[in-house]
Amino acid sequence: MAKATASTTDANQAKSLAISFINSNKGKPLLLADEYVFKLNKNTTTTNYWICTLNGCSAKVHTDLNSQFIKIVGDHNHFPEKEQLEVREFREKVKQRAIHETTPIPRYYDGAINAMEYLDGLSFAVAKRKKW
């Protein structure tokens, strides 16, 4: 997972925002910011435009082509989905390890689930129940 931290000088966006990136189930990039998930909507020669993954939400993030934060546009109309974010990150780690290791996937998956001490109860239940 790649990470980038930047701050903007705009008076409305005066806070620093830590962003990171993971891949979706289909291998597309997803931007993570303040426990919200954004998908790439479009890009131009200077800017990447990201939209919230929840349908109907108007929040957007702009980054430059080097994945440096530029600004946030709009507000979320929902709460962050911290548990879903933890499950996405966990799933991405499992997939990457399964690609690069020779351990049988079911054995690795069971071991990874048992080793996930940092997941809270709800995230653990969601991850345990969802067999990819």
N, C-alpha and C. Protein backbone atom coordinates (compact mmCIF):
# COMPACT_ATOMS: atom_id res chain seq x y z
N MET A 1 0.85 -1.16 0.00
CA MET A 1 0.00 0.00 0.00
C MET A 1 0.89 1.23 0.00
N ALA A 2 0.71 2.12 -0.94
CA ALA A 2 1.48 3.35 -1.04
C ALA A 2 0.86 4.42 -0.17
N LYS A 3 1.68 5.28 0.39
CA LYS A 3 1.19 6.36 1.23
C LYS A 3 1.73 7.68 0.76
N ALA A 4 0.94 8.74 0.95
CA ALA A 4 1.38 10.09 0.63
C ALA A 4 0.73 11.04 1.62
N THR A 5 1.45 12.05 2.03
CA THR A 5 0.90 13.05 2.93
C THR A 5 1.17 14.41 2.33
N ALA A 6 0.16 15.26 2.37
CA ALA A 6 0.33 16.60 1.84
C ALA A 6 -0.63 17.53 2.55
N SER A 7 -0.40 18.81 2.41
CA SER A 7 -1.33 19.79 2.94
C SER A 7 -1.54 20.88 1.91
N THR A 8 -2.66 21.53 1.99
CA THR A 8 -2.99 22.58 1.05
C THR A 8 -3.05 23.91 1.77
N THR A 9 -2.86 25.00 1.08
CA THR A 9 -2.86 26.30 1.71
C THR A 9 -4.20 26.99 1.62
N ASP A 10 -5.14 26.44 0.91
CA ASP A 10 -6.49 27.00 0.80
C ASP A 10 -7.09 27.14 2.19
N ALA A 11 -7.72 28.27 2.48
CA ALA A 11 -8.27 28.52 3.82
C ALA A 11 -9.33 27.49 4.18
N ASN A 12 -10.11 27.03 3.21
CA ASN A 12 -11.14 26.03 3.49
C ASN A 12 -10.56 24.64 3.65
N GLN A 13 -9.37 24.40 3.14
CA GLN A 13 -8.75 23.09 3.18
C GLN A 13 -7.42 23.15 3.94
N ALA A 14 -7.38 23.87 5.06
CA ALA A 14 -6.13 24.15 5.75
C ALA A 14 -5.59 22.96 6.52
N LYS A 15 -6.27 21.85 6.54
CA LYS A 15 -5.78 20.70 7.29
C LYS A 15 -4.90 19.80 6.44
N SER A 16 -4.07 19.03 7.10
CA SER A 16 -3.22 18.07 6.41
C SER A 16 -4.03 16.79 6.22
N LEU A 17 -3.85 16.14 5.09
CA LEU A 17 -4.61 14.93 4.80
C LEU A 17 -3.65 13.82 4.40
N ALA A 18 -3.69 12.73 5.14
CA ALA A 18 -2.89 11.56 4.80
C ALA A 18 -3.71 10.68 3.88
N ILE A 19 -3.14 10.34 2.74
CA ILE A 19 -3.84 9.47 1.80
C ILE A 19 -2.99 8.24 1.54
N SER A 20 -3.65 7.16 1.19
CA SER A 20 -2.96 5.94 0.81
C SER A 20 -3.76 5.27 -0.30
N PHE A 21 -3.19 4.23 -0.88
CA PHE A 21 -3.81 3.59 -2.03
C PHE A 21 -3.82 2.08 -1.86
N ILE A 22 -4.92 1.47 -2.31
CA ILE A 22 -5.01 0.02 -2.40
C ILE A 22 -5.66 -0.28 -3.75
N ASN A 23 -5.78 -1.54 -4.08
CA ASN A 23 -6.44 -1.95 -5.31
C ASN A 23 -7.82 -2.50 -5.01
N SER A 24 -8.74 -2.28 -5.93
CA SER A 24 -10.09 -2.84 -5.80
C SER A 24 -10.03 -4.32 -6.13
N ASN A 25 -11.17 -5.00 -6.01
CA ASN A 25 -11.24 -6.41 -6.37
C ASN A 25 -10.90 -6.63 -7.84
N LYS A 26 -11.13 -5.62 -8.66
CA LYS A 26 -10.85 -5.72 -10.09
C LYS A 26 -9.48 -5.16 -10.46
N GLY A 27 -8.67 -4.82 -9.45
CA GLY A 27 -7.33 -4.34 -9.71
C GLY A 27 -7.22 -2.85 -10.00
N LYS A 28 -8.29 -2.11 -9.83
CA LYS A 28 -8.29 -0.66 -10.06
C LYS A 28 -7.80 0.05 -8.80
N PRO A 29 -7.17 1.22 -8.95
CA PRO A 29 -6.68 1.94 -7.77
C PRO A 29 -7.82 2.55 -6.97
N LEU A 30 -7.70 2.48 -5.64
CA LEU A 30 -8.62 3.14 -4.73
C LEU A 30 -7.81 4.04 -3.82
N LEU A 31 -8.31 5.24 -3.58
CA LEU A 31 -7.66 6.19 -2.69
C LEU A 31 -8.35 6.12 -1.33
N LEU A 32 -7.57 6.06 -0.26
CA LEU A 32 -8.10 6.05 1.10
C LEU A 32 -7.73 7.36 1.76
N ALA A 33 -8.74 8.07 2.28
CA ALA A 33 -8.51 9.35 2.95
C ALA A 33 -9.52 9.51 4.07
N ASP A 34 -9.04 9.74 5.27
CA ASP A 34 -9.91 9.94 6.44
C ASP A 34 -10.95 8.83 6.60
N GLU A 35 -10.55 7.59 6.39
CA GLU A 35 -11.40 6.41 6.53
C GLU A 35 -12.54 6.36 5.51
N TYR A 36 -12.38 7.07 4.40
CA TYR A 36 -13.31 7.01 3.29
C TYR A 36 -12.57 6.43 2.09
N VAL A 37 -13.30 5.80 1.18
CA VAL A 37 -12.70 5.18 0.00
C VAL A 37 -13.19 5.92 -1.25
N PHE A 38 -12.24 6.24 -2.13
CA PHE A 38 -12.54 6.94 -3.37
C PHE A 38 -12.04 6.12 -4.55
N LYS A 39 -12.77 6.18 -5.65
CA LYS A 39 -12.31 5.52 -6.88
C LYS A 39 -11.95 6.60 -7.90
N LEU A 40 -11.04 6.24 -8.80
CA LEU A 40 -10.59 7.18 -9.82
C LEU A 40 -11.72 7.42 -10.81
N ASN A 41 -12.14 8.66 -10.94
CA ASN A 41 -13.21 9.02 -11.86
C ASN A 41 -12.66 9.39 -13.23
N LYS A 42 -11.65 10.27 -13.23
CA LYS A 42 -11.00 10.65 -14.48
C LYS A 42 -9.65 11.27 -14.16
N ASN A 43 -8.83 11.39 -15.20
CA ASN A 43 -7.56 12.08 -15.02
C ASN A 43 -7.29 12.96 -16.23
N THR A 44 -6.55 14.04 -15.97
CA THR A 44 -6.16 14.96 -17.02
C THR A 44 -4.64 14.97 -17.06
N THR A 45 -4.08 15.88 -17.78
CA THR A 45 -2.62 15.95 -17.88
C THR A 45 -1.98 16.42 -16.58
N THR A 46 -2.77 17.02 -15.68
CA THR A 46 -2.19 17.52 -14.42
C THR A 46 -2.85 16.98 -13.17
N THR A 47 -4.06 16.44 -13.25
CA THR A 47 -4.83 16.12 -12.05
C THR A 47 -5.56 14.79 -12.19
N ASN A 48 -5.63 14.05 -11.07
CA ASN A 48 -6.49 12.88 -10.96
C ASN A 48 -7.71 13.27 -10.14
N TYR A 49 -8.88 12.90 -10.60
CA TYR A 49 -10.13 13.23 -9.92
C TYR A 49 -10.74 11.95 -9.35
N TRP A 50 -10.94 11.93 -8.04
CA TRP A 50 -11.45 10.76 -7.34
C TRP A 50 -12.83 11.06 -6.79
N ILE A 51 -13.74 10.08 -6.84
CA ILE A 51 -15.09 10.24 -6.28
C ILE A 51 -15.31 9.17 -5.21
N CYS A 52 -16.15 9.50 -4.25
CA CYS A 52 -16.48 8.55 -3.18
C CYS A 52 -17.13 7.31 -3.79
N THR A 53 -16.80 6.15 -3.23
CA THR A 53 -17.33 4.90 -3.78
C THR A 53 -18.80 4.65 -3.43
N LEU A 54 -19.32 5.39 -2.47
CA LEU A 54 -20.72 5.21 -2.10
C LEU A 54 -21.60 6.02 -3.06
N ASN A 55 -22.51 5.34 -3.75
CA ASN A 55 -23.39 6.02 -4.71
C ASN A 55 -24.20 7.11 -4.01
N GLY A 56 -24.29 8.27 -4.64
CA GLY A 56 -25.06 9.37 -4.09
C GLY A 56 -24.25 10.32 -3.23
N CYS A 57 -23.02 9.99 -2.92
CA CYS A 57 -22.17 10.86 -2.11
C CYS A 57 -21.46 11.84 -3.04
N SER A 58 -21.41 13.11 -2.65
CA SER A 58 -20.84 14.14 -3.52
C SER A 58 -19.39 14.48 -3.20
N ALA A 59 -18.77 13.79 -2.26
CA ALA A 59 -17.39 14.10 -1.89
C ALA A 59 -16.43 13.66 -2.99
N LYS A 60 -15.43 14.51 -3.23
CA LYS A 60 -14.42 14.24 -4.25
C LYS A 60 -13.06 14.66 -3.73
N VAL A 61 -12.02 14.04 -4.25
CA VAL A 61 -10.64 14.39 -3.90
C VAL A 61 -9.89 14.62 -5.20
N HIS A 62 -9.03 15.63 -5.20
CA HIS A 62 -8.17 15.89 -6.35
C HIS A 62 -6.72 15.65 -5.92
N THR A 63 -5.98 14.93 -6.74
CA THR A 63 -4.55 14.72 -6.51
C THR A 63 -3.81 15.07 -7.80
N ASP A 64 -2.50 15.35 -7.64
CA ASP A 64 -1.72 15.54 -8.85
C ASP A 64 -1.29 14.18 -9.38
N LEU A 65 -0.56 14.16 -10.47
CA LEU A 65 -0.19 12.89 -11.09
C LEU A 65 0.83 12.11 -10.26
N ASN A 66 1.46 12.77 -9.28
CA ASN A 66 2.39 12.10 -8.36
C ASN A 66 1.70 11.65 -7.09
N SER A 67 0.37 11.63 -7.10
CA SER A 67 -0.46 11.19 -5.97
C SER A 67 -0.33 12.09 -4.75
N GLN A 68 -0.04 13.36 -4.97
CA GLN A 68 -0.01 14.33 -3.89
C GLN A 68 -1.36 15.00 -3.78
N PHE A 69 -1.88 15.08 -2.56
CA PHE A 69 -3.18 15.67 -2.30
C PHE A 69 -3.23 17.13 -2.74
N ILE A 70 -4.31 17.51 -3.43
CA ILE A 70 -4.53 18.91 -3.80
C ILE A 70 -5.67 19.50 -2.99
N LYS A 71 -6.87 18.88 -3.09
CA LYS A 71 -8.00 19.41 -2.32
C LYS A 71 -9.13 18.40 -2.25
N ILE A 72 -10.06 18.71 -1.33
CA ILE A 72 -11.32 17.95 -1.20
C ILE A 72 -12.44 18.86 -1.68
N VAL A 73 -13.37 18.30 -2.42
CA VAL A 73 -14.53 19.04 -2.90
C VAL A 73 -15.78 18.34 -2.38
N GLY A 74 -16.68 19.08 -1.75
CA GLY A 74 -17.93 18.51 -1.27
C GLY A 74 -17.77 17.80 0.07
N ASP A 75 -18.90 17.35 0.59
CA ASP A 75 -18.94 16.66 1.88
C ASP A 75 -19.57 15.29 1.71
N HIS A 76 -19.18 14.39 2.59
CA HIS A 76 -19.78 13.06 2.59
C HIS A 76 -21.17 13.14 3.22
N ASN A 77 -22.09 12.34 2.73
CA ASN A 77 -23.43 12.28 3.30
C ASN A 77 -23.61 10.98 4.10
N HIS A 78 -22.49 10.40 4.54
CA HIS A 78 -22.52 9.15 5.28
C HIS A 78 -21.31 9.12 6.23
N PHE A 79 -21.35 8.21 7.17
CA PHE A 79 -20.24 8.05 8.10
C PHE A 79 -19.15 7.20 7.45
N PRO A 80 -17.91 7.33 7.95
CA PRO A 80 -16.84 6.46 7.43
C PRO A 80 -17.16 5.00 7.70
N GLU A 81 -16.73 4.13 6.83
CA GLU A 81 -16.95 2.70 7.00
C GLU A 81 -15.63 2.05 7.37
N LYS A 82 -15.21 2.29 8.61
CA LYS A 82 -13.91 1.82 9.08
C LYS A 82 -13.77 0.31 8.96
N GLU A 83 -14.81 -0.43 9.31
CA GLU A 83 -14.74 -1.89 9.26
C GLU A 83 -14.54 -2.38 7.83
N GLN A 84 -15.28 -1.80 6.89
CA GLN A 84 -15.13 -2.19 5.49
C GLN A 84 -13.73 -1.86 4.97
N LEU A 85 -13.19 -0.74 5.43
CA LEU A 85 -11.84 -0.34 5.02
C LEU A 85 -10.81 -1.34 5.54
N GLU A 86 -10.95 -1.76 6.79
CA GLU A 86 -10.04 -2.76 7.36
C GLU A 86 -10.13 -4.08 6.60
N VAL A 87 -11.34 -4.47 6.23
CA VAL A 87 -11.52 -5.71 5.48
C VAL A 87 -10.89 -5.59 4.10
N ARG A 88 -11.06 -4.44 3.43
CA ARG A 88 -10.44 -4.23 2.11
C ARG A 88 -8.93 -4.33 2.19
N GLU A 89 -8.35 -3.66 3.21
CA GLU A 89 -6.89 -3.69 3.36
C GLU A 89 -6.41 -5.11 3.64
N PHE A 90 -7.13 -5.82 4.50
CA PHE A 90 -6.77 -7.19 4.82
C PHE A 90 -6.85 -8.07 3.57
N ARG A 91 -7.93 -7.93 2.80
CA ARG A 91 -8.12 -8.71 1.59
C ARG A 91 -6.99 -8.45 0.59
N GLU A 92 -6.59 -7.18 0.47
CA GLU A 92 -5.50 -6.84 -0.45
C GLU A 92 -4.20 -7.51 -0.01
N LYS A 93 -3.92 -7.51 1.29
CA LYS A 93 -2.70 -8.15 1.79
C LYS A 93 -2.73 -9.65 1.53
N VAL A 94 -3.87 -10.27 1.76
CA VAL A 94 -4.01 -11.71 1.52
C VAL A 94 -3.79 -12.02 0.05
N LYS A 95 -4.39 -11.23 -0.84
CA LYS A 95 -4.23 -11.48 -2.27
C LYS A 95 -2.78 -11.33 -2.70
N GLN A 96 -2.12 -10.28 -2.23
CA GLN A 96 -0.72 -10.07 -2.62
C GLN A 96 0.16 -11.20 -2.12
N ARG A 97 -0.09 -11.64 -0.90
CA ARG A 97 0.72 -12.73 -0.36
C ARG A 97 0.44 -14.03 -1.11
N ALA A 98 -0.82 -14.26 -1.45
CA ALA A 98 -1.17 -15.48 -2.19
C ALA A 98 -0.51 -15.49 -3.57
N ILE A 99 -0.38 -14.34 -4.17
CA ILE A 99 0.26 -14.24 -5.48
C ILE A 99 1.75 -14.54 -5.39
N HIS A 100 2.39 -14.07 -4.33
CA HIS A 100 3.85 -14.13 -4.24
C HIS A 100 4.39 -15.30 -3.43
N GLU A 101 3.54 -16.10 -2.80
CA GLU A 101 4.02 -17.23 -2.00
C GLU A 101 3.54 -18.55 -2.57
N THR A 102 4.18 -19.62 -2.15
CA THR A 102 3.80 -20.95 -2.62
C THR A 102 2.92 -21.70 -1.62
N THR A 103 2.64 -21.10 -0.47
CA THR A 103 1.77 -21.73 0.53
C THR A 103 0.38 -21.92 -0.06
N PRO A 104 -0.25 -23.07 0.14
CA PRO A 104 -1.63 -23.26 -0.36
C PRO A 104 -2.55 -22.16 0.20
N ILE A 105 -3.38 -21.61 -0.66
CA ILE A 105 -4.21 -20.47 -0.28
C ILE A 105 -5.12 -20.75 0.91
N PRO A 106 -5.84 -21.88 0.99
CA PRO A 106 -6.70 -22.11 2.16
C PRO A 106 -5.90 -22.12 3.47
N ARG A 107 -4.71 -22.72 3.45
CA ARG A 107 -3.90 -22.75 4.67
C ARG A 107 -3.44 -21.34 5.04
N TYR A 108 -3.01 -20.58 4.05
CA TYR A 108 -2.59 -19.21 4.32
C TYR A 108 -3.76 -18.38 4.83
N TYR A 109 -4.94 -18.50 4.19
CA TYR A 109 -6.11 -17.72 4.57
C TYR A 109 -6.48 -17.98 6.02
N ASP A 110 -6.57 -19.25 6.42
CA ASP A 110 -6.92 -19.58 7.81
C ASP A 110 -5.89 -19.03 8.78
N GLY A 111 -4.62 -19.14 8.44
CA GLY A 111 -3.57 -18.61 9.30
C GLY A 111 -3.63 -17.09 9.40
N ALA A 112 -3.92 -16.43 8.29
CA ALA A 112 -4.00 -14.97 8.29
C ALA A 112 -5.18 -14.49 9.12
N ILE A 113 -6.31 -15.16 9.00
CA ILE A 113 -7.48 -14.78 9.80
C ILE A 113 -7.16 -14.92 11.29
N ASN A 114 -6.53 -16.01 11.67
CA ASN A 114 -6.20 -16.22 13.07
C ASN A 114 -5.17 -15.22 13.58
N ALA A 115 -4.33 -14.69 12.71
CA ALA A 115 -3.30 -13.74 13.12
C ALA A 115 -3.78 -12.30 13.14
N MET A 116 -5.00 -12.04 12.74
CA MET A 116 -5.48 -10.67 12.64
C MET A 116 -5.95 -10.14 13.99
N GLU A 117 -5.03 -9.86 14.88
CA GLU A 117 -5.36 -9.38 16.21
C GLU A 117 -5.88 -7.95 16.20
N TYR A 118 -5.45 -7.15 15.23
CA TYR A 118 -5.83 -5.74 15.24
C TYR A 118 -7.23 -5.48 14.70
N LEU A 119 -7.86 -6.46 14.06
CA LEU A 119 -9.23 -6.26 13.60
C LEU A 119 -10.17 -6.29 14.79
N ASP A 120 -11.09 -5.34 14.85
CA ASP A 120 -12.07 -5.39 15.93
C ASP A 120 -13.07 -6.51 15.63
N GLY A 121 -13.98 -6.76 16.53
CA GLY A 121 -14.90 -7.89 16.42
C GLY A 121 -15.73 -7.88 15.16
N LEU A 122 -16.27 -6.73 14.77
CA LEU A 122 -17.13 -6.66 13.58
C LEU A 122 -16.33 -6.91 12.31
N SER A 123 -15.16 -6.29 12.20
CA SER A 123 -14.33 -6.50 11.01
C SER A 123 -13.92 -7.96 10.91
N PHE A 124 -13.56 -8.55 12.03
CA PHE A 124 -13.17 -9.95 12.05
C PHE A 124 -14.31 -10.83 11.57
N ALA A 125 -15.54 -10.54 12.04
CA ALA A 125 -16.70 -11.33 11.64
C ALA A 125 -16.96 -11.20 10.15
N VAL A 126 -16.84 -9.99 9.61
CA VAL A 126 -17.06 -9.78 8.18
C VAL A 126 -15.99 -10.51 7.37
N ALA A 127 -14.72 -10.40 7.78
CA ALA A 127 -13.64 -11.04 7.05
C ALA A 127 -13.76 -12.56 7.13
N LYS A 128 -14.13 -13.08 8.28
CA LYS A 128 -14.23 -14.53 8.47
C LYS A 128 -15.38 -15.10 7.64
N ARG A 129 -16.48 -14.34 7.54
CA ARG A 129 -17.66 -14.81 6.84
C ARG A 129 -17.49 -14.75 5.33
N LYS A 130 -16.71 -13.79 4.84
CA LYS A 130 -16.57 -13.60 3.40
C LYS A 130 -15.42 -14.46 2.88
N LYS A 131 -15.72 -15.51 2.19
CA LYS A 131 -14.72 -16.35 1.53
C LYS A 131 -14.65 -15.90 0.09
N TRP A 132 -13.53 -15.36 -0.33
CA TRP A 132 -13.39 -14.82 -1.67
C TRP A 132 -13.53 -15.92 -2.64
